[in-house]
N, C-alpha and C. Protein backbone atom coordinates (compact mmCIF):
# COMPACT_ATOMS: atom_id res chain seq x y z
N MET A 1 0.83 -1.37 -0.16
CA MET A 1 0.01 -0.08 -0.03
C MET A 1 0.98 1.30 -0.32
N ASP A 2 0.50 2.25 -0.85
CA ASP A 2 1.09 3.38 -0.95
C ASP A 2 1.29 4.18 0.48
N GLU A 3 2.11 4.99 0.84
CA GLU A 3 2.26 5.60 2.12
C GLU A 3 1.33 6.61 1.95
N SER A 4 1.07 7.30 0.94
CA SER A 4 -0.10 8.47 0.91
C SER A 4 -1.49 8.21 1.33
N ILE A 5 -1.93 6.73 0.66
CA ILE A 5 -3.02 6.25 1.38
C ILE A 5 -3.26 5.79 2.81
N ILE A 6 -2.19 5.45 3.17
CA ILE A 6 -2.07 5.11 4.48
C ILE A 6 -2.16 6.74 5.55
N ILE A 7 -1.55 7.86 4.65
CA ILE A 7 -1.44 9.01 5.48
C ILE A 7 -2.87 9.53 5.53
N GLY A 8 -3.56 9.39 4.50
CA GLY A 8 -5.07 9.96 4.17
C GLY A 8 -5.85 9.26 5.07
N LYS A 9 -5.88 8.01 5.08
CA LYS A 9 -6.61 7.03 5.94
C LYS A 9 -6.78 7.45 7.31
N VAL A 10 -5.43 7.87 8.18
CA VAL A 10 -5.08 8.02 9.62
C VAL A 10 -5.74 9.55 9.64
N ILE A 11 -5.43 10.42 8.74
CA ILE A 11 -6.10 11.84 8.67
C ILE A 11 -7.52 11.54 8.62
N ARG A 12 -8.08 10.64 7.98
CA ARG A 12 -9.63 10.71 7.88
C ARG A 12 -10.41 10.28 9.17
N THR A 13 -9.41 9.22 9.75
CA THR A 13 -10.01 8.32 10.93
C THR A 13 -10.01 9.59 12.02
N LEU A 14 -9.11 10.24 11.98
CA LEU A 14 -8.72 11.35 13.32
C LEU A 14 -9.89 12.44 13.00
N ARG A 15 -9.99 12.64 11.85
CA ARG A 15 -11.05 13.88 11.44
C ARG A 15 -12.60 13.28 12.04
N ARG A 16 -12.96 12.20 11.55
CA ARG A 16 -14.22 11.50 12.08
C ARG A 16 -14.58 11.07 13.23
N GLU A 17 -13.23 10.98 14.10
CA GLU A 17 -13.29 10.72 15.50
C GLU A 17 -13.71 11.90 16.28
N ARG A 18 -13.23 13.02 15.78
CA ARG A 18 -13.34 14.12 16.19
C ARG A 18 -14.66 14.93 16.03
N GLY A 19 -15.25 14.30 14.78
CA GLY A 19 -16.52 14.81 14.67
C GLY A 19 -16.56 16.15 13.45
N LEU A 20 -15.17 16.12 12.69
CA LEU A 20 -15.07 17.27 12.03
C LEU A 20 -15.44 17.23 10.71
N SER A 21 -15.65 18.16 9.99
CA SER A 21 -15.86 18.24 8.59
C SER A 21 -14.85 18.52 7.65
N GLN A 22 -14.35 17.88 6.65
CA GLN A 22 -13.13 18.26 5.71
C GLN A 22 -13.09 19.74 5.71
N PHE A 23 -14.10 20.54 5.70
CA PHE A 23 -14.12 21.88 5.14
C PHE A 23 -13.12 22.62 6.47
N VAL A 24 -13.84 22.17 8.00
CA VAL A 24 -13.62 22.76 9.13
C VAL A 24 -11.69 22.48 9.05
N VAL A 25 -11.57 21.05 9.01
CA VAL A 25 -10.09 21.00 8.94
C VAL A 25 -9.41 21.29 8.26
N ALA A 26 -9.76 21.63 6.74
CA ALA A 26 -8.77 22.28 5.88
C ALA A 26 -8.72 23.59 5.88
N SER A 27 -9.96 24.34 6.55
CA SER A 27 -9.94 25.77 7.08
C SER A 27 -9.00 25.87 8.15
N ARG A 28 -9.03 25.21 9.22
CA ARG A 28 -7.92 25.42 10.44
C ARG A 28 -6.68 25.25 10.20
N SER A 29 -6.47 24.15 8.92
CA SER A 29 -5.02 23.86 8.49
C SER A 29 -4.25 25.08 7.59
N GLY A 30 -5.50 26.01 7.20
CA GLY A 30 -4.88 26.94 6.39
C GLY A 30 -4.53 26.20 4.79
N ILE A 31 -5.34 25.30 4.60
CA ILE A 31 -5.25 24.61 3.11
C ILE A 31 -6.44 24.77 2.29
N ASN A 32 -5.98 24.34 1.09
CA ASN A 32 -7.29 24.70 -0.03
C ASN A 32 -7.92 23.04 0.39
N LEU A 33 -9.49 23.37 0.25
CA LEU A 33 -10.49 22.28 0.57
C LEU A 33 -10.24 20.93 -0.44
N SER A 34 -10.06 21.47 -1.84
CA SER A 34 -9.74 20.76 -2.78
C SER A 34 -8.68 19.64 -2.34
N TYR A 35 -7.49 20.34 -2.06
CA TYR A 35 -6.25 19.62 -1.62
C TYR A 35 -6.36 19.02 -0.69
N TYR A 36 -7.10 19.19 0.46
CA TYR A 36 -7.24 18.41 1.67
C TYR A 36 -8.01 17.31 1.31
N CYS A 37 -9.00 17.11 0.44
CA CYS A 37 -9.67 16.13 -0.07
C CYS A 37 -8.87 15.20 -0.81
N LYS A 38 -7.86 15.61 -1.62
CA LYS A 38 -7.05 14.65 -2.16
C LYS A 38 -6.12 13.92 -1.12
N LEU A 39 -5.71 14.97 -0.04
CA LEU A 39 -4.83 14.26 1.08
C LEU A 39 -5.36 13.28 1.65
N GLU A 40 -6.72 13.17 2.16
CA GLU A 40 -7.55 12.14 2.78
C GLU A 40 -7.58 11.06 1.75
N GLY A 41 -7.77 11.33 0.47
CA GLY A 41 -7.84 10.23 -0.46
C GLY A 41 -6.79 9.69 -1.08
N GLY A 42 -5.70 10.09 0.00
CA GLY A 42 -4.17 9.14 -0.60
C GLY A 42 -3.71 9.72 -1.85
N GLN A 43 -4.49 10.76 -2.65
CA GLN A 43 -3.84 10.94 -4.17
C GLN A 43 -2.78 12.66 -4.11
N ALA A 44 -2.30 12.69 -2.50
CA ALA A 44 -1.24 13.64 -2.33
C ALA A 44 -0.38 13.50 -1.49
N ASN A 45 0.88 14.21 -1.54
CA ASN A 45 2.17 13.98 -0.76
C ASN A 45 2.19 15.03 0.01
N PRO A 46 1.60 15.09 1.11
CA PRO A 46 2.09 16.29 1.95
C PRO A 46 3.33 16.77 2.30
N SER A 47 3.60 17.62 2.46
CA SER A 47 4.89 18.32 3.17
C SER A 47 4.83 18.59 4.10
N ILE A 48 6.00 18.60 5.09
CA ILE A 48 6.15 18.50 6.48
C ILE A 48 5.28 20.05 7.25
N ARG A 49 5.21 20.96 6.31
CA ARG A 49 4.46 21.99 6.84
C ARG A 49 2.85 21.73 6.70
N VAL A 50 2.58 21.14 5.82
CA VAL A 50 0.90 20.81 5.83
C VAL A 50 0.83 19.80 6.90
N ILE A 51 1.75 18.49 6.85
CA ILE A 51 1.47 17.82 8.29
C ILE A 51 1.47 18.47 9.52
N PHE A 52 2.13 19.31 9.85
CA PHE A 52 1.99 20.09 10.80
C PHE A 52 0.69 21.04 11.11
N ALA A 53 0.14 21.50 10.27
CA ALA A 53 -0.68 21.90 9.93
C ALA A 53 -2.13 21.21 10.20
N VAL A 54 -2.36 20.03 9.48
CA VAL A 54 -3.16 19.16 9.69
C VAL A 54 -3.19 18.81 11.32
N THR A 55 -2.34 18.35 11.62
CA THR A 55 -2.17 17.61 13.02
C THR A 55 -2.59 18.60 14.05
N HIS A 56 -2.08 19.78 13.93
CA HIS A 56 -2.42 20.88 14.84
C HIS A 56 -4.04 20.99 14.64
N ALA A 57 -4.70 21.28 13.74
CA ALA A 57 -6.11 21.45 13.30
C ALA A 57 -6.88 20.47 13.90
N LEU A 58 -6.10 18.99 14.02
CA LEU A 58 -7.04 17.70 14.61
C LEU A 58 -6.82 17.29 15.75
N GLY A 59 -5.83 18.09 16.68
CA GLY A 59 -5.37 18.24 18.09
C GLY A 59 -4.48 17.34 18.45
N VAL A 60 -3.65 16.46 17.43
CA VAL A 60 -2.74 15.73 17.95
C VAL A 60 -1.26 16.25 17.45
N SER A 61 -0.33 15.69 17.89
CA SER A 61 0.98 16.21 17.75
C SER A 61 1.45 15.67 16.54
N PRO A 62 2.64 16.01 16.01
CA PRO A 62 2.95 15.27 14.55
C PRO A 62 4.01 14.01 15.27
N ALA A 63 4.12 13.75 16.50
CA ALA A 63 4.73 12.83 16.71
C ALA A 63 3.72 11.47 17.15
N GLN A 64 2.46 11.92 17.53
CA GLN A 64 1.34 11.07 17.80
C GLN A 64 0.67 10.36 16.34
N PHE A 65 0.76 11.63 15.55
CA PHE A 65 0.33 11.38 14.06
C PHE A 65 1.38 10.14 13.36
N ILE A 66 2.73 10.59 13.37
CA ILE A 66 3.76 9.56 12.96
C ILE A 66 3.49 8.16 13.42
N GLU A 67 3.25 8.25 14.58
CA GLU A 67 3.05 6.77 15.73
C GLU A 67 1.76 6.12 15.20
N LEU A 68 0.61 7.08 14.81
CA LEU A 68 -0.79 6.03 13.99
C LEU A 68 -0.27 5.61 12.93
N ILE A 69 0.44 6.32 11.95
CA ILE A 69 1.17 6.01 10.55
C ILE A 69 1.87 4.49 10.73
N SER A 70 2.81 4.53 11.66
CA SER A 70 3.55 3.54 11.63
C SER A 70 2.43 2.30 12.05
N LEU A 71 1.62 2.53 12.99
CA LEU A 71 0.95 1.23 13.55
C LEU A 71 0.15 0.71 11.91
N GLU A 72 -0.25 1.74 11.38
CA GLU A 72 -0.99 1.53 10.27
C GLU A 72 -0.35 0.92 9.30
N MET A 73 0.87 1.21 9.16
CA MET A 73 1.56 0.45 8.26
C MET A 73 1.83 -1.18 8.75
N GLN A 74 2.27 -1.40 9.96
CA GLN A 74 2.50 -2.46 10.19
C GLN A 74 1.29 -3.49 10.08
N TYR A 75 0.35 -2.84 10.57
CA TYR A 75 -0.95 -3.62 10.41
C TYR A 75 -1.11 -3.96 8.82
N PHE A 76 -0.98 -3.10 8.05
CA PHE A 76 -1.16 -3.43 6.58
C PHE A 76 0.00 -4.57 6.10
N LEU A 77 1.23 -4.54 6.63
CA LEU A 77 1.99 -5.55 6.07
C LEU A 77 1.80 -6.66 7.04
N ILE A 78 1.29 -6.76 8.09
CA ILE A 78 0.85 -7.72 8.64
C ILE A 78 -0.19 -8.58 7.98
N SER A 79 -1.38 -7.75 7.50
CA SER A 79 -2.36 -8.28 6.50
C SER A 79 -1.90 -8.85 5.37
N GLU A 80 -1.15 -7.95 4.90
CA GLU A 80 -0.55 -8.45 3.30
C GLU A 80 0.05 -9.72 3.46
N GLY A 81 0.81 -10.05 4.24
CA GLY A 81 1.79 -11.16 4.66
C GLY A 81 0.77 -12.29 4.89
N ALA A 82 -0.48 -12.18 5.86
CA ALA A 82 -1.24 -13.27 5.68
C ALA A 82 -2.11 -13.40 4.46
N SER A 83 -2.17 -12.81 3.61
CA SER A 83 -2.87 -13.10 2.49
C SER A 83 -1.93 -13.79 1.37
N GLU A 84 -0.77 -13.75 1.51
CA GLU A 84 -0.02 -14.40 0.64
C GLU A 84 -0.02 -15.91 0.91
N PRO A 85 0.02 -16.88 0.04
CA PRO A 85 0.39 -18.11 -0.02
C PRO A 85 1.29 -18.92 0.90
N ALA A 86 0.93 -19.89 1.57
CA ALA A 86 2.30 -20.45 2.39
C ALA A 86 3.09 -21.17 1.69
């Protein structure tokens, strides 16, 4: 799985857990709504500045965000390995 998809999935999950709209998070982050939607959809590679802005808007630290991405990647790798023939 592409890292951009995992980043988008984590952002979308955090946003939904907080009951926020894409518009609100994009506005709080200072980024264009269209770009934000691409970010959540795994169609954009965010810069460090964008990651810091989005994590701030979502109320998590960049370190927490990276940890969530790491956990999601581990889960994906385990799932992917389980689907391979023995």
